C-alpha atoms as a PDB file:
ATOM      1  CA  MET A   1      -9.502 -27.885  -8.544  1.00  0.00           C
ATOM      2  CA  ALA A   2      -5.733 -27.439  -8.736  1.00  0.00           C
ATOM      3  CA  THR A   3      -3.682 -30.634  -8.692  1.00  0.00           C
ATOM      4  CA  GLU A   4      -0.516 -31.132  -6.696  1.00  0.00           C
ATOM      5  CA  LYS A   5       1.420 -31.189  -9.965  1.00  0.00           C
ATOM      6  CA  SER A   6       0.032 -27.854 -11.147  1.00  0.00           C
ATOM      7  CA  ILE A   7       0.789 -26.263  -7.759  1.00  0.00           C
ATOM      8  CA  SER A   8       4.358 -27.597  -7.809  1.00  0.00           C
ATOM      9  CA  GLU A   9       4.797 -26.310 -11.386  1.00  0.00           C
ATOM     10  CA  LEU A  10       3.449 -22.922 -10.302  1.00  0.00           C
ATOM     11  CA  THR A  11       5.762 -22.872  -7.284  1.00  0.00           C
ATOM     12  CA  GLU A  12       8.731 -23.543  -9.582  1.00  0.00           C
ATOM     13  CA  LEU A  13       7.604 -20.707 -11.888  1.00  0.00           C
ATOM     14  CA  ILE A  14       7.321 -18.394  -8.876  1.00  0.00           C
ATOM     15  CA  ARG A  15      10.827 -19.288  -7.701  1.00  0.00           C
ATOM     16  CA  GLN A  16      12.139 -18.215 -11.099  1.00  0.00           C
ATOM     17  CA  GLU A  17      10.010 -15.068 -11.400  1.00  0.00           C
ATOM     18  CA  SER A  18      10.551 -13.920  -7.793  1.00  0.00           C
ATOM     19  CA  ALA A  19      14.358 -13.928  -7.999  1.00  0.00           C
ATOM     20  CA  PHE A  20      14.275 -10.132  -8.268  1.00  0.00           C
ATOM     21  CA  VAL A  21      12.729  -9.846  -4.775  1.00  0.00           C
ATOM     22  CA  THR A  22      15.963 -10.909  -3.044  1.00  0.00           C
ATOM     23  CA  ALA A  23      17.966  -8.623  -5.328  1.00  0.00           C
ATOM     24  CA  ILE A  24      15.715  -5.653  -4.479  1.00  0.00           C
ATOM     25  CA  GLN A  25      15.889  -6.331  -0.729  1.00  0.00           C
ATOM     26  CA  SER A  26      19.691  -6.626  -0.943  1.00  0.00           C
ATOM     27  CA  GLU A  27      19.980  -3.349  -2.871  1.00  0.00           C
ATOM     28  CA  LEU A  28      17.637  -1.504  -0.474  1.00  0.00           C
ATOM     29  CA  SER A  29      19.648  -2.725   2.528  1.00  0.00           C
ATOM     30  CA  LYS A  30      22.490  -0.450   1.328  1.00  0.00           C
ATOM     31  CA  VAL A  31      20.493   2.592   2.456  1.00  0.00           C
ATOM     32  CA  ILE A  32      17.794   1.257   4.811  1.00  0.00           C
ATOM     33  CA  VAL A  33      18.657  -0.583   8.016  1.00  0.00           C
ATOM     34  CA  GLY A  34      15.932  -2.877   9.324  1.00  0.00           C
ATOM     35  CA  GLN A  35      12.363  -1.917   8.351  1.00  0.00           C
ATOM     36  CA  ARG A  36      12.001  -5.314   6.626  1.00  0.00           C
ATOM     37  CA  TYR A  37       8.292  -5.292   7.451  1.00  0.00           C
ATOM     38  CA  MET A  38       7.773  -1.956   5.647  1.00  0.00           C
ATOM     39  CA  ILE A  39       9.792  -3.003   2.588  1.00  0.00           C
ATOM     40  CA  GLU A  40       7.907  -6.304   2.319  1.00  0.00           C
ATOM     41  CA  ARG A  41       4.564  -4.447   2.459  1.00  0.00           C
ATOM     42  CA  LEU A  42       5.685  -2.003  -0.227  1.00  0.00           C
ATOM     43  CA  LEU A  43       6.579  -4.976  -2.458  1.00  0.00           C
ATOM     44  CA  ILE A  44       3.187  -6.571  -1.751  1.00  0.00           C
ATOM     45  CA  GLY A  45       1.495  -3.338  -2.867  1.00  0.00           C
ATOM     46  CA  LEU A  46       3.620  -3.330  -6.019  1.00  0.00           C
ATOM     47  CA  LEU A  47       2.818  -6.975  -6.853  1.00  0.00           C
ATOM     48  CA  ALA A  48      -0.882  -6.806  -5.914  1.00  0.00           C
ATOM     49  CA  ASN A  49      -1.469  -3.524  -7.788  1.00  0.00           C
ATOM     50  CA  GLY A  50      -2.606  -1.780  -4.611  1.00  0.00           C
ATOM     51  CA  HIS A  51      -1.763   1.637  -3.199  1.00  0.00           C
ATOM     52  CA  VAL A  52      -0.070   1.890   0.200  1.00  0.00           C
ATOM     53  CA  LEU A  53      -0.431   4.435   3.019  1.00  0.00           C
ATOM     54  CA  LEU A  54       2.531   4.669   5.422  1.00  0.00           C
ATOM     55  CA  GLU A  55       1.945   6.243   8.824  1.00  0.00           C
ATOM     56  CA  GLY A  56       4.650   6.964  11.373  1.00  0.00           C
ATOM     57  CA  VAL A  57       6.411   9.773  13.206  1.00  0.00           C
ATOM     58  CA  PRO A  58       9.027  11.794  11.263  1.00  0.00           C
ATOM     59  CA  GLY A  59      12.462  10.266  10.736  1.00  0.00           C
ATOM     60  CA  LEU A  60      11.513   6.604  10.327  1.00  0.00           C
ATOM     61  CA  ALA A  61      12.681   6.397   6.668  1.00  0.00           C
ATOM     62  CA  LYS A  62       9.196   6.370   5.132  1.00  0.00           C
ATOM     63  CA  THR A  63      10.109   8.780   2.342  1.00  0.00           C
ATOM     64  CA  LEU A  64      13.579   7.253   1.968  1.00  0.00           C
ATOM     65  CA  ALA A  65      12.089   3.752   1.586  1.00  0.00           C
ATOM     66  CA  VAL A  66       9.702   4.831  -1.175  1.00  0.00           C
ATOM     67  CA  LYS A  67      12.383   6.828  -3.038  1.00  0.00           C
ATOM     68  CA  SER A  68      14.817   3.913  -2.725  1.00  0.00           C
ATOM     69  CA  LEU A  69      12.207   1.428  -4.011  1.00  0.00           C
ATOM     70  CA  ALA A  70      11.597   3.707  -7.002  1.00  0.00           C
ATOM     71  CA  SER A  71      15.379   3.837  -7.622  1.00  0.00           C
ATOM     72  CA  VAL A  72      15.646   0.048  -7.976  1.00  0.00           C
ATOM     73  CA  ILE A  73      12.778  -0.005 -10.480  1.00  0.00           C
ATOM     74  CA  ASN A  74      13.693   1.410 -13.873  1.00  0.00           C
ATOM     75  CA  THR A  75      10.539   3.477 -14.238  1.00  0.00           C
ATOM     76  CA  ARG A  76       9.188   7.009 -13.939  1.00  0.00           C
ATOM     77  CA  PHE A  77       8.958   8.328 -10.389  1.00  0.00           C
ATOM     78  CA  GLN A  78       7.501  11.568  -9.014  1.00  0.00           C
ATOM     79  CA  ARG A  79       7.641  12.899  -5.478  1.00  0.00           C
ATOM     80  CA  ILE A  80       4.869  15.344  -4.610  1.00  0.00           C
ATOM     81  CA  GLN A  81       5.153  17.280  -1.353  1.00  0.00           C
ATOM     82  CA  PHE A  82       1.600  17.946  -0.184  1.00  0.00           C
ATOM     83  CA  THR A  83       1.089  21.410   1.332  1.00  0.00           C
ATOM     84  CA  PRO A  84      -1.993  23.480   2.288  1.00  0.00           C
ATOM     85  CA  ASP A  85      -1.587  25.767  -0.760  1.00  0.00           C
ATOM     86  CA  LEU A  86      -1.369  22.909  -3.300  1.00  0.00           C
ATOM     87  CA  LEU A  87      -4.011  22.992  -6.068  1.00  0.00           C
ATOM     88  CA  PRO A  88      -5.496  20.055  -8.026  1.00  0.00           C
ATOM     89  CA  ALA A  89      -3.876  21.494 -11.188  1.00  0.00           C
ATOM     90  CA  ASP A  90      -0.452  21.218  -9.488  1.00  0.00           C
ATOM     91  CA  LEU A  91      -1.100  17.487  -9.284  1.00  0.00           C
ATOM     92  CA  VAL A  92      -2.936  16.408 -12.446  1.00  0.00           C
ATOM     93  CA  GLY A  93      -2.048  19.245 -14.830  1.00  0.00           C
ATOM     94  CA  THR A  94      -3.984  22.015 -16.522  1.00  0.00           C
ATOM     95  CA  LEU A  95      -4.987  23.608 -19.827  1.00  0.00           C
ATOM     96  CA  ILE A  96      -2.688  26.344 -21.129  1.00  0.00           C
ATOM     97  CA  TYR A  97      -4.067  28.982 -23.503  1.00  0.00           C
ATOM     98  CA  ASN A  98      -2.044  29.779 -26.619  1.00  0.00           C
ATOM     99  CA  PRO A  99      -2.917  33.389 -27.641  1.00  0.00           C
ATOM    100  CA  ARG A 100      -1.317  33.003 -31.088  1.00  0.00           C
ATOM    101  CA  ASP A 101      -3.881  30.569 -32.443  1.00  0.00           C
ATOM    102  CA  GLY A 102      -6.505  30.810 -29.685  1.00  0.00           C
ATOM    103  CA  THR A 103      -6.249  27.137 -28.696  1.00  0.00           C
ATOM    104  CA  PHE A 104      -5.676  25.300 -25.416  1.00  0.00           C
ATOM    105  CA  SER A 105      -2.959  22.700 -24.902  1.00  0.00           C
ATOM    106  CA  VAL A 106      -2.710  20.188 -22.080  1.00  0.00           C
ATOM    107  CA  LYS A 107       0.190  20.435 -19.633  1.00  0.00           C
ATOM    108  CA  ARG A 108       0.390  17.147 -17.753  1.00  0.00           C
ATOM    109  CA  GLY A 109       1.097  17.177 -14.040  1.00  0.00           C
ATOM    110  CA  PRO A 110       3.402  14.974 -11.923  1.00  0.00           C
ATOM    111  CA  VAL A 111       0.683  12.336 -11.451  1.00  0.00           C
ATOM    112  CA  PHE A 112       1.603  11.063 -14.941  1.00  0.00           C
ATOM    113  CA  ALA A 113       4.270   8.688 -13.653  1.00  0.00           C
ATOM    114  CA  ASN A 114       4.468   5.026 -12.647  1.00  0.00           C
ATOM    115  CA  ILE A 115       5.302   5.454  -8.958  1.00  0.00           C
ATOM    116  CA  ILE A 116       3.990   8.467  -7.045  1.00  0.00           C
ATOM    117  CA  LEU A 117       5.245   9.426  -3.607  1.00  0.00           C
ATOM    118  CA  ALA A 118       2.502  11.538  -2.024  1.00  0.00           C
ATOM    119  CA  ASP A 119       4.496  12.931   0.895  1.00  0.00           C
ATOM    120  CA  GLU A 120       2.442  14.035   3.922  1.00  0.00           C
ATOM    121  CA  ILE A 121      -0.835  13.542   2.068  1.00  0.00           C
ATOM    122  CA  ASN A 122      -2.846  14.869   5.026  1.00  0.00           C
ATOM    123  CA  ARG A 123      -1.321  18.349   4.632  1.00  0.00           C
ATOM    124  CA  ALA A 124      -3.254  19.116   1.418  1.00  0.00           C
ATOM    125  CA  PRO A 125      -6.938  20.184   1.294  1.00  0.00           C
ATOM    126  CA  ALA A 126      -9.786  17.861   0.265  1.00  0.00           C
ATOM    127  CA  LYS A 127      -9.866  19.023  -3.391  1.00  0.00           C
ATOM    128  CA  VAL A 128      -6.255  17.951  -3.923  1.00  0.00           C
ATOM    129  CA  GLN A 129      -6.750  14.663  -2.084  1.00  0.00           C
ATOM    130  CA  SER A 130      -9.812  13.944  -4.262  1.00  0.00           C
ATOM    131  CA  ALA A 131      -7.874  14.647  -7.465  1.00  0.00           C
ATOM    132  CA  LEU A 132      -5.266  12.073  -6.453  1.00  0.00           C
ATOM    133  CA  LEU A 133      -7.880   9.565  -5.324  1.00  0.00           C
ATOM    134  CA  GLU A 134      -9.654   9.705  -8.702  1.00  0.00           C
ATOM    135  CA  ALA A 135      -6.353   8.798 -10.340  1.00  0.00           C
ATOM    136  CA  MET A 136      -5.862   5.983  -7.800  1.00  0.00           C
ATOM    137  CA  GLN A 137      -9.303   4.453  -8.245  1.00  0.00           C
ATOM    138  CA  GLU A 138     -10.035   5.017 -11.934  1.00  0.00           C
ATOM    139  CA  ARG A 139      -6.411   4.916 -13.182  1.00  0.00           C
ATOM    140  CA  GLN A 140      -7.256   7.965 -15.262  1.00  0.00           C
ATOM    141  CA  VAL A 141      -7.088  11.761 -15.080  1.00  0.00           C
ATOM    142  CA  THR A 142      -9.534  14.324 -16.489  1.00  0.00           C
ATOM    143  CA  ILE A 143      -8.133  17.678 -17.629  1.00  0.00           C
ATOM    144  CA  GLY A 144     -10.745  19.997 -19.159  1.00  0.00           C
ATOM    145  CA  ASP A 145     -12.941  17.790 -21.335  1.00  0.00           C
ATOM    146  CA  GLN A 146     -10.221  15.226 -22.024  1.00  0.00           C
ATOM    147  CA  THR A 147      -9.620  12.002 -20.124  1.00  0.00           C
ATOM    148  CA  PHE A 148      -6.164  10.413 -20.055  1.00  0.00           C
ATOM    149  CA  LYS A 149      -5.444   6.819 -19.070  1.00  0.00           C
ATOM    150  CA  LEU A 150      -2.495   6.414 -16.721  1.00  0.00           C
ATOM    151  CA  GLU A 151       0.267   3.993 -17.700  1.00  0.00           C
ATOM    152  CA  GLU A 152       0.645   0.724 -15.843  1.00  0.00           C
ATOM    153  CA  PRO A 153       2.131   0.054 -13.411  1.00  0.00           C
ATOM    154  CA  PHE A 154       0.633   2.980 -11.500  1.00  0.00           C
ATOM    155  CA  LEU A 155       1.248   2.952  -7.763  1.00  0.00           C
ATOM    156  CA  VAL A 156       0.624   5.640  -5.150  1.00  0.00           C
ATOM    157  CA  LEU A 157       2.705   5.356  -1.970  1.00  0.00           C
ATOM    158  CA  ALA A 158       1.515   8.011   0.470  1.00  0.00           C
ATOM    159  CA  THR A 159       2.935   9.042   3.847  1.00  0.00           C
ATOM    160  CA  GLN A 160       1.379  10.834   6.786  1.00  0.00           C
ATOM    161  CA  ASN A 161       2.487  11.715  10.303  1.00  0.00           C
ATOM    162  CA  PRO A 162       0.234  10.875  13.272  1.00  0.00           C
ATOM    163  CA  ILE A 163       1.533  13.954  15.139  1.00  0.00           C
ATOM    164  CA  GLU A 164       1.370  17.683  14.357  1.00  0.00           C
ATOM    165  CA  GLN A 165      -2.312  17.470  13.474  1.00  0.00           C
ATOM    166  CA  GLU A 166      -2.677  21.264  13.543  1.00  0.00           C
ATOM    167  CA  GLY A 167      -3.037  22.556   9.990  1.00  0.00           C
ATOM    168  CA  THR A 168      -3.724  19.117   8.503  1.00  0.00           C
ATOM    169  CA  TYR A 169      -6.686  17.733   6.573  1.00  0.00           C
ATOM    170  CA  PRO A 170      -7.217  14.139   7.764  1.00  0.00           C
ATOM    171  CA  LEU A 171      -8.229  11.713   5.023  1.00  0.00           C
ATOM    172  CA  PRO A 172     -11.914  10.726   5.370  1.00  0.00           C
ATOM    173  CA  GLU A 173     -12.593   7.019   5.958  1.00  0.00           C
ATOM    174  CA  ALA A 174     -14.074   6.600   2.450  1.00  0.00           C
ATOM    175  CA  GLN A 175     -10.871   7.942   0.917  1.00  0.00           C
ATOM    176  CA  VAL A 176      -8.511   5.968   3.149  1.00  0.00           C
ATOM    177  CA  ASP A 177     -10.442   2.885   1.964  1.00  0.00           C
ATOM    178  CA  ARG A 178      -8.883   3.341  -1.508  1.00  0.00           C
ATOM    179  CA  PHE A 179      -5.523   2.267  -0.101  1.00  0.00           C
ATOM    180  CA  MET A 180      -4.994  -1.487  -0.145  1.00  0.00           C
ATOM    181  CA  LEU A 181      -2.657  -1.353   2.866  1.00  0.00           C
ATOM    182  CA  LYS A 182      -2.188   1.046   5.745  1.00  0.00           C
ATOM    183  CA  ILE A 183       1.155   0.384   7.414  1.00  0.00           C
ATOM    184  CA  GLU A 184       2.058   1.619  10.889  1.00  0.00           C
ATOM    185  CA  ILE A 185       5.820   2.285  10.999  1.00  0.00           C
ATOM    186  CA  THR A 186       7.460   1.849  14.400  1.00  0.00           C
ATOM    187  CA  TYR A 187      10.817   2.863  15.864  1.00  0.00           C
ATOM    188  CA  PRO A 188      13.847   0.658  15.103  1.00  0.00           C
ATOM    189  CA  THR A 189      15.233  -1.672  17.745  1.00  0.00           C
ATOM    190  CA  LYS A 190      18.301  -0.676  19.776  1.00  0.00           C
ATOM    191  CA  GLN A 191      20.498  -2.959  17.650  1.00  0.00           C
ATOM    192  CA  GLU A 192      19.095  -1.509  14.391  1.00  0.00           C
ATOM    193  CA  GLU A 193      19.597   2.034  15.686  1.00  0.00           C
ATOM    194  CA  ARG A 194      23.290   1.261  16.275  1.00  0.00           C
ATOM    195  CA  GLN A 195      23.548  -0.100  12.720  1.00  0.00           C
ATOM    196  CA  ILE A 196      21.941   3.113  11.424  1.00  0.00           C
ATOM    197  CA  LEU A 197      24.526   5.133  13.357  1.00  0.00           C
ATOM    198  CA  ASP A 198      27.422   3.117  11.921  1.00  0.00           C
ATOM    199  CA  ALA A 199      26.058   3.207   8.370  1.00  0.00           C
ATOM    200  CA  ARG A 200      24.852   6.795   8.063  1.00  0.00           C
ATOM    201  CA  ALA A 201      26.345   9.038  10.752  1.00  0.00           C
ATOM    202  CA  PHE A 202      29.950   8.932   9.547  1.00  0.00           C
ATOM    203  CA  THR A 203      29.451   9.639   5.850  1.00  0.00           C
ATOM    204  CA  SER A 204      27.700  12.343   3.891  1.00  0.00           C
ATOM    205  CA  THR A 205      28.118  10.606   0.531  1.00  0.00           C
ATOM    206  CA  PRO A 206      24.753   9.467  -0.876  1.00  0.00           C
ATOM    207  CA  VAL A 207      24.527   5.792  -1.839  1.00  0.00           C
ATOM    208  CA  GLU A 208      23.698   5.160  -5.496  1.00  0.00           C
ATOM    209  CA  LEU A 209      21.204   2.345  -6.064  1.00  0.00           C
ATOM    210  CA  LYS A 210      21.109   0.464  -9.348  1.00  0.00           C
ATOM    211  CA  PRO A 211      17.871  -0.502 -11.144  1.00  0.00           C
ATOM    212  CA  ILE A 212      16.998  -4.176 -10.720  1.00  0.00           C
ATOM    213  CA  ILE A 213      13.733  -4.510 -12.686  1.00  0.00           C
ATOM    214  CA  GLY A 214      11.585  -2.561 -15.140  1.00  0.00           C
ATOM    215  CA  PRO A 215       7.820  -2.049 -15.637  1.00  0.00           C
ATOM    216  CA  ASP A 216       7.506  -5.153 -17.857  1.00  0.00           C
ATOM    217  CA  ASP A 217       8.999  -7.334 -15.090  1.00  0.00           C
ATOM    218  CA  ILE A 218       6.410  -6.001 -12.623  1.00  0.00           C
ATOM    219  CA  LEU A 219       3.490  -6.618 -14.989  1.00  0.00           C
ATOM    220  CA  ARG A 220       4.771 -10.150 -15.707  1.00  0.00           C
ATOM    221  CA  ALA A 221       5.122 -10.875 -11.972  1.00  0.00           C
ATOM    222  CA  ARG A 222       1.546  -9.632 -11.393  1.00  0.00           C
ATOM    223  CA  LYS A 223       0.257 -12.179 -13.931  1.00  0.00           C
ATOM    224  CA  VAL A 224       2.029 -14.931 -11.980  1.00  0.00           C
ATOM    225  CA  VAL A 225       0.533 -13.620  -8.705  1.00  0.00           C
ATOM    226  CA  ASP A 226      -2.945 -13.856 -10.281  1.00  0.00           C
ATOM    227  CA  GLN A 227      -2.363 -17.591 -10.924  1.00  0.00           C
ATOM    228  CA  ILE A 228      -1.525 -18.440  -7.300  1.00  0.00           C
ATOM    229  CA  TYR A 229      -3.850 -21.143  -5.997  1.00  0.00           C
ATOM    230  CA  MET A 230      -6.294 -20.452  -3.201  1.00  0.00           C
ATOM    231  CA  ASP A 231      -8.211 -23.327  -1.629  1.00  0.00           C
ATOM    232  CA  GLU A 232     -11.976 -23.024  -1.104  1.00  0.00           C
ATOM    233  CA  LYS A 233     -11.480 -23.231   2.681  1.00  0.00           C
ATOM    234  CA  VAL A 234      -9.039 -20.311   2.601  1.00  0.00           C
ATOM    235  CA  LYS A 235     -11.486 -18.282   0.470  1.00  0.00           C
ATOM    236  CA  ASN A 236     -14.221 -18.971   3.013  1.00  0.00           C
ATOM    237  CA  TYR A 237     -11.817 -17.928   5.792  1.00  0.00           C
ATOM    238  CA  VAL A 238     -11.312 -14.532   4.103  1.00  0.00           C
ATOM    239  CA  VAL A 239     -15.071 -14.025   3.814  1.00  0.00           C
ATOM    240  CA  ASP A 240     -15.566 -15.087   7.465  1.00  0.00           C
ATOM    241  CA  ILE A 241     -12.951 -12.575   8.666  1.00  0.00           C
ATOM    242  CA  VAL A 242     -14.544  -9.692   6.749  1.00  0.00           C
ATOM    243  CA  HIS A 243     -18.100 -10.654   7.757  1.00  0.00           C
ATOM    244  CA  ALA A 244     -17.021 -10.910  11.394  1.00  0.00           C
ATOM    245  CA  THR A 245     -16.170  -7.185  11.280  1.00  0.00           C
ATOM    246  CA  ARG A 246     -19.803  -6.470  10.289  1.00  0.00           C
ATOM    247  CA  ASP A 247     -21.661  -9.055  12.364  1.00  0.00           C
ATOM    248  CA  PRO A 248     -19.384 -10.228  15.201  1.00  0.00           C
ATOM    249  CA  LYS A 249     -22.351 -11.783  17.100  1.00  0.00           C
ATOM    250  CA  ALA A 250     -22.766 -14.388  14.347  1.00  0.00           C
ATOM    251  CA  TYR A 251     -19.220 -15.543  15.129  1.00  0.00           C
ATOM    252  CA  LYS A 252     -19.720 -15.314  18.921  1.00  0.00           C
ATOM    253  CA  ILE A 253     -17.151 -12.524  19.214  1.00  0.00           C
ATOM    254  CA  ASP A 254     -17.960 -10.206  22.100  1.00  0.00           C
ATOM    255  CA  VAL A 255     -17.238  -6.757  20.659  1.00  0.00           C
ATOM    256  CA  ALA A 256     -20.801  -5.484  20.966  1.00  0.00           C
ATOM    257  CA  GLY A 257     -21.011  -1.713  20.697  1.00  0.00           C
ATOM    258  CA  LEU A 258     -17.356  -1.361  19.656  1.00  0.00           C
ATOM    259  CA  ILE A 259     -17.722  -1.409  15.831  1.00  0.00           C
ATOM    260  CA  GLU A 260     -19.406   1.511  14.067  1.00  0.00           C
ATOM    261  CA  TYR A 261     -18.742   0.209  10.556  1.00  0.00           C
ATOM    262  CA  GLY A 262     -17.235  -3.066   9.389  1.00  0.00           C
ATOM    263  CA  ALA A 263     -15.023  -3.678   6.361  1.00  0.00           C
ATOM    264  CA  SER A 264     -16.419  -3.270   2.836  1.00  0.00           C
ATOM    265  CA  PRO A 265     -16.299  -5.893   0.034  1.00  0.00           C
ATOM    266  CA  ARG A 266     -13.189  -4.041  -1.158  1.00  0.00           C
ATOM    267  CA  ALA A 267     -11.488  -5.502   1.944  1.00  0.00           C
ATOM    268  CA  THR A 268     -12.352  -9.044   0.775  1.00  0.00           C
ATOM    269  CA  ILE A 269     -10.778  -8.397  -2.631  1.00  0.00           C
ATOM    270  CA  PHE A 270      -7.698  -6.623  -1.239  1.00  0.00           C
ATOM    271  CA  LEU A 271      -7.117  -9.244   1.457  1.00  0.00           C
ATOM    272  CA  THR A 272      -7.145 -11.976  -1.200  1.00  0.00           C
ATOM    273  CA  LEU A 273      -4.817 -10.111  -3.593  1.00  0.00           C
ATOM    274  CA  ALA A 274      -2.391  -9.125  -0.824  1.00  0.00           C
ATOM    275  CA  ALA A 275      -2.288 -12.716   0.499  1.00  0.00           C
ATOM    276  CA  LYS A 276      -1.432 -13.969  -3.001  1.00  0.00           C
ATOM    277  CA  ALA A 277       1.366 -11.409  -3.268  1.00  0.00           C
ATOM    278  CA  SER A 278       2.621 -12.509   0.174  1.00  0.00           C
ATOM    279  CA  ALA A 279       2.719 -16.140  -1.031  1.00  0.00           C
ATOM    280  CA  PHE A 280       4.683 -14.983  -4.115  1.00  0.00           C
ATOM    281  CA  LEU A 281       7.249 -13.197  -1.919  1.00  0.00           C
ATOM    282  CA  HIS A 282       7.732 -16.398   0.059  1.00  0.00           C
ATOM    283  CA  GLY A 283       8.134 -18.516  -3.094  1.00  0.00           C
ATOM    284  CA  ARG A 284       4.872 -20.476  -2.808  1.00  0.00           C
ATOM    285  CA  GLY A 285       2.250 -21.274  -5.449  1.00  0.00           C
ATOM    286  CA  TYR A 286      -0.579 -21.407  -2.925  1.00  0.00           C
ATOM    287  CA  VAL A 287      -2.065 -19.214  -0.178  1.00  0.00           C
ATOM    288  CA  THR A 288      -2.103 -20.402   3.446  1.00  0.00           C
ATOM    289  CA  PRO A 289      -4.247 -19.077   6.325  1.00  0.00           C
ATOM    290  CA  GLN A 290      -1.003 -17.644   7.747  1.00  0.00           C
ATOM    291  CA  ASP A 291      -0.717 -15.393   4.672  1.00  0.00           C
ATOM    292  CA  ILE A 292      -4.192 -14.052   5.486  1.00  0.00           C
ATOM    293  CA  LYS A 293      -3.306 -13.510   9.150  1.00  0.00           C
ATOM    294  CA  SER A 294       0.069 -11.864   8.459  1.00  0.00           C
ATOM    295  CA  ILE A 295      -1.312  -9.287   6.001  1.00  0.00           C
ATOM    296  CA  GLY A 296      -4.808  -8.979   7.504  1.00  0.00           C
ATOM    297  CA  MET A 297      -4.046  -6.190   9.986  1.00  0.00           C
ATOM    298  CA  ASP A 298      -2.631  -3.925   7.267  1.00  0.00           C
ATOM    299  CA  VAL A 299      -5.702  -4.481   5.074  1.00  0.00           C
ATOM    300  CA  LEU A 300      -8.306  -4.066   7.839  1.00  0.00           C
ATOM    301  CA  ARG A 301      -6.929  -1.525  10.362  1.00  0.00           C
ATOM    302  CA  HIS A 302      -8.279   1.443   8.358  1.00  0.00           C
ATOM    303  CA  ARG A 303     -11.522  -0.266   7.343  1.00  0.00           C
ATOM    304  CA  VAL A 304     -12.920  -1.172  10.747  1.00  0.00           C
ATOM    305  CA  ILE A 305     -14.292   2.010  12.321  1.00  0.00           C
ATOM    306  CA  PRO A 306     -14.641   1.885  16.128  1.00  0.00           C
ATOM    307  CA  THR A 307     -17.533   3.573  17.950  1.00  0.00           C
ATOM    308  CA  TYR A 308     -17.217   6.498  20.361  1.00  0.00           C
ATOM    309  CA  GLU A 309     -17.716   3.983  23.189  1.00  0.00           C
ATOM    310  CA  ALA A 310     -14.706   1.999  21.956  1.00  0.00           C
ATOM    311  CA  GLU A 311     -12.594   5.152  21.785  1.00  0.00           C
ATOM    312  CA  ALA A 312     -13.702   6.101  25.301  1.00  0.00           C
ATOM    313  CA  GLU A 313     -12.452   2.701  26.494  1.00  0.00           C
ATOM    314  CA  ASP A 314      -9.166   3.125  24.542  1.00  0.00           C
ATOM    315  CA  VAL A 315     -10.100   0.259  22.218  1.00  0.00           C
ATOM    316  CA  THR A 316      -8.596   0.807  18.761  1.00  0.00           C
ATOM    317  CA  SER A 317      -9.512  -0.716  15.417  1.00  0.00           C
ATOM    318  CA  GLU A 318      -6.321  -2.793  15.706  1.00  0.00           C
ATOM    319  CA  ASP A 319      -7.529  -4.266  19.021  1.00  0.00           C
ATOM    320  CA  ILE A 320     -10.829  -5.231  17.377  1.00  0.00           C
ATOM    321  CA  VAL A 321      -9.180  -6.764  14.292  1.00  0.00           C
ATOM    322  CA  LYS A 322      -6.790  -8.762  16.508  1.00  0.00           C
ATOM    323  CA  ARG A 323      -9.712 -10.208  18.484  1.00  0.00           C
ATOM    324  CA  ILE A 324     -11.474 -11.197  15.269  1.00  0.00           C
ATOM    325  CA  PHE A 325      -8.378 -12.990  13.978  1.00  0.00           C
ATOM    326  CA  ASP A 326      -7.926 -14.680  17.373  1.00  0.00           C
ATOM    327  CA  GLU A 327     -11.516 -15.956  17.509  1.00  0.00           C
ATOM    328  CA  VAL A 328     -12.537 -16.792  13.929  1.00  0.00           C
ATOM    329  CA  PRO A 329     -11.678 -20.493  13.398  1.00  0.00           C
ATOM    330  CA  VAL A 330      -8.663 -21.095  11.137  1.00  0.00           C
ATOM    331  CA  PRO A 331      -9.225 -23.762   8.421  1.00  0.00           C
END
């Protein structure tokens, strides 16, 4: 069991190692007004080694946020615009025949980078989505009979629009499950919209962002995140939350007939890792139940599948997850 001294030492280490977080947020604020929630979630994905899916209507700075985050990290970045005519080879690479000596050489695709922006991921067919998801899950790519390990850090930040569903290929639930977080991006407030107008509407000069950290800094921060202390009661709370999505009756939560499928064990792992990263961002060496509650919706909203009856009653997965968090006792 961790002692108070070890937790205080860890907290001091985190304060030193997390100094770059404030610097990144300050640099990003030069081009992005508001959207603090989205930026914090992107940083959690980066620190917890988990891919992030951003969903929101066009024009909410999803692509800009990802490109800006990549700009402040001194690492390789690739933006891939997903379209219906995209092929798996356009993503992972292909074999090229050399007629002079009759051999094949490997031409690597854009997936061989540290940060991938998969823009409008639901506009590409299933074969292309699967090629990306293999890279996400296995951290490797197979071209011909050769397998290539992807360099760490490797992070996929994907965007999709909830409108214009004609001509799209929605991600199946099993594939969406590969993303640690699914973030719903909302419209800015009236005050933020005025700030956007003042900052962006009267200049056409692009803002240059300077790199704050490199890949080694990220990998070092991840090692610190792994050390963050989690009390046994908080661990049990995570397990209770996930199990309540599968067997709500056992927790006396009245959502009978509303849940088709509950969250998988992957949700338990991701919820724990994301909560640790959240504690790191807030300069703490330990996880609190509030960390679990604050990040829980983003981890579970795409893992709890409502029934047709729930959809008929306009009950969403978010409504169900909120009820579970409201009714499962907090340690």
